[in-house]
Amino acid sequence: MLDKATLQSTLEGIFAGEGNTAESVAQQLADAIDTFVKTGTVTVDPGIAVTTPVGPGATSAPGIGSIS
């Protein structure tokens, strides 16, 4: 899940800022997008087919990871 509300609020703040240069806006947008993407989590359900060095198998429990 991603935090869309925070991204929207951040973008509104960037565009409301007076006197921003194109470079400043670009940097702020890049930072906002980077933060937005890194708030995401990845969930893998049990039962997903996998291949291991000892042979095929399946995930046995949910796996949850973050994006860094």
C-alpha atoms as a PDB file:
ATOM      1  CA  MET A   1       0.000   0.000   0.000  1.00  0.00           C
ATOM      2  CA  LEU A   2       1.209   3.491  -0.821  1.00  0.00           C
ATOM      3  CA  ASP A   3       0.522   6.737   1.069  1.00  0.00           C
ATOM      4  CA  LYS A   4      -1.236   8.729  -1.660  1.00  0.00           C
ATOM      5  CA  ALA A   5      -2.654  11.369   0.705  1.00  0.00           C
ATOM      6  CA  THR A   6       0.797  12.413   1.890  1.00  0.00           C
ATOM      7  CA  LEU A   7       2.090  12.580  -1.690  1.00  0.00           C
ATOM      8  CA  GLN A   8      -0.827  14.792  -2.699  1.00  0.00           C
ATOM      9  CA  SER A   9      -0.271  17.109   0.266  1.00  0.00           C
ATOM     10  CA  THR A  10       3.442  17.346  -0.491  1.00  0.00           C
ATOM     11  CA  LEU A  11       2.815  18.108  -4.169  1.00  0.00           C
ATOM     12  CA  GLU A  12       0.278  20.801  -3.282  1.00  0.00           C
ATOM     13  CA  GLY A  13       2.895  22.406  -1.039  1.00  0.00           C
ATOM     14  CA  ILE A  14       5.487  22.321  -3.809  1.00  0.00           C
ATOM     15  CA  PHE A  15       3.187  23.957  -6.358  1.00  0.00           C
ATOM     16  CA  ALA A  16       1.936  26.553  -3.852  1.00  0.00           C
ATOM     17  CA  GLY A  17       5.482  27.688  -3.065  1.00  0.00           C
ATOM     18  CA  GLU A  18       6.285  31.104  -4.462  1.00  0.00           C
ATOM     19  CA  GLY A  19       9.629  31.850  -6.029  1.00  0.00           C
ATOM     20  CA  ASN A  20      10.499  28.222  -6.738  1.00  0.00           C
ATOM     21  CA  THR A  21      12.933  27.748  -9.583  1.00  0.00           C
ATOM     22  CA  ALA A  22      12.519  24.915 -12.072  1.00  0.00           C
ATOM     23  CA  GLU A  23      15.514  23.212 -10.462  1.00  0.00           C
ATOM     24  CA  SER A  24      14.007  23.579  -6.981  1.00  0.00           C
ATOM     25  CA  VAL A  25      10.630  22.201  -8.096  1.00  0.00           C
ATOM     26  CA  ALA A  26      12.315  19.299  -9.885  1.00  0.00           C
ATOM     27  CA  GLN A  27      14.347  18.420  -6.780  1.00  0.00           C
ATOM     28  CA  GLN A  28      11.310  18.655  -4.505  1.00  0.00           C
ATOM     29  CA  LEU A  29       9.253  16.494  -6.884  1.00  0.00           C
ATOM     30  CA  ALA A  30      12.029  13.901  -7.067  1.00  0.00           C
ATOM     31  CA  ASP A  31      12.243  13.813  -3.268  1.00  0.00           C
ATOM     32  CA  ALA A  32       8.448  13.522  -2.906  1.00  0.00           C
ATOM     33  CA  ILE A  33       8.247  10.679  -5.429  1.00  0.00           C
ATOM     34  CA  ASP A  34      11.209   8.875  -3.843  1.00  0.00           C
ATOM     35  CA  THR A  35       9.562   9.102  -0.417  1.00  0.00           C
ATOM     36  CA  PHE A  36       6.197   7.998  -1.859  1.00  0.00           C
ATOM     37  CA  VAL A  37       7.646   4.904  -3.519  1.00  0.00           C
ATOM     38  CA  LYS A  38       9.592   3.947  -0.395  1.00  0.00           C
ATOM     39  CA  THR A  39       6.396   4.011   1.714  1.00  0.00           C
ATOM     40  CA  GLY A  40       5.135   1.014  -0.248  1.00  0.00           C
ATOM     41  CA  THR A  41       5.091  -2.527   1.057  1.00  0.00           C
ATOM     42  CA  VAL A  42       5.207  -5.727  -0.951  1.00  0.00           C
ATOM     43  CA  THR A  43       3.170  -8.705   0.242  1.00  0.00           C
ATOM     44  CA  VAL A  44       3.597 -12.219  -1.147  1.00  0.00           C
ATOM     45  CA  ASP A  45       0.788 -14.636  -0.337  1.00  0.00           C
ATOM     46  CA  PRO A  46       1.416 -18.234   0.744  1.00  0.00           C
ATOM     47  CA  GLY A  47       1.290 -20.861  -1.982  1.00  0.00           C
ATOM     48  CA  ILE A  48       3.290 -18.953  -4.595  1.00  0.00           C
ATOM     49  CA  ALA A  49       5.458 -21.348  -6.626  1.00  0.00           C
ATOM     50  CA  VAL A  50       9.203 -20.904  -6.129  1.00  0.00           C
ATOM     51  CA  THR A  51      12.335 -22.652  -7.325  1.00  0.00           C
ATOM     52  CA  THR A  52      15.116 -23.386  -4.854  1.00  0.00           C
ATOM     53  CA  PRO A  53      18.508 -25.091  -5.182  1.00  0.00           C
ATOM     54  CA  VAL A  54      16.949 -28.296  -3.804  1.00  0.00           C
ATOM     55  CA  GLY A  55      13.944 -28.207  -6.142  1.00  0.00           C
ATOM     56  CA  PRO A  56      10.557 -26.605  -6.642  1.00  0.00           C
ATOM     57  CA  GLY A  57       8.343 -25.566  -3.773  1.00  0.00           C
ATOM     58  CA  ALA A  58       5.911 -22.917  -2.634  1.00  0.00           C
ATOM     59  CA  THR A  59       5.860 -20.105  -0.132  1.00  0.00           C
ATOM     60  CA  SER A  60       4.468 -21.360   3.149  1.00  0.00           C
ATOM     61  CA  ALA A  61       3.543 -18.082   4.847  1.00  0.00           C
ATOM     62  CA  PRO A  62       2.896 -14.490   3.858  1.00  0.00           C
ATOM     63  CA  GLY A  63       6.017 -12.499   3.132  1.00  0.00           C
ATOM     64  CA  ILE A  64       6.024  -8.752   3.712  1.00  0.00           C
ATOM     65  CA  GLY A  65       8.829  -6.475   2.601  1.00  0.00           C
ATOM     66  CA  SER A  66       9.568  -2.809   2.193  1.00  0.00           C
ATOM     67  CA  ILE A  67      11.038  -0.834  -0.680  1.00  0.00           C
ATOM     68  CA  SER A  68      14.370   0.835  -0.024  1.00  0.00           C
END
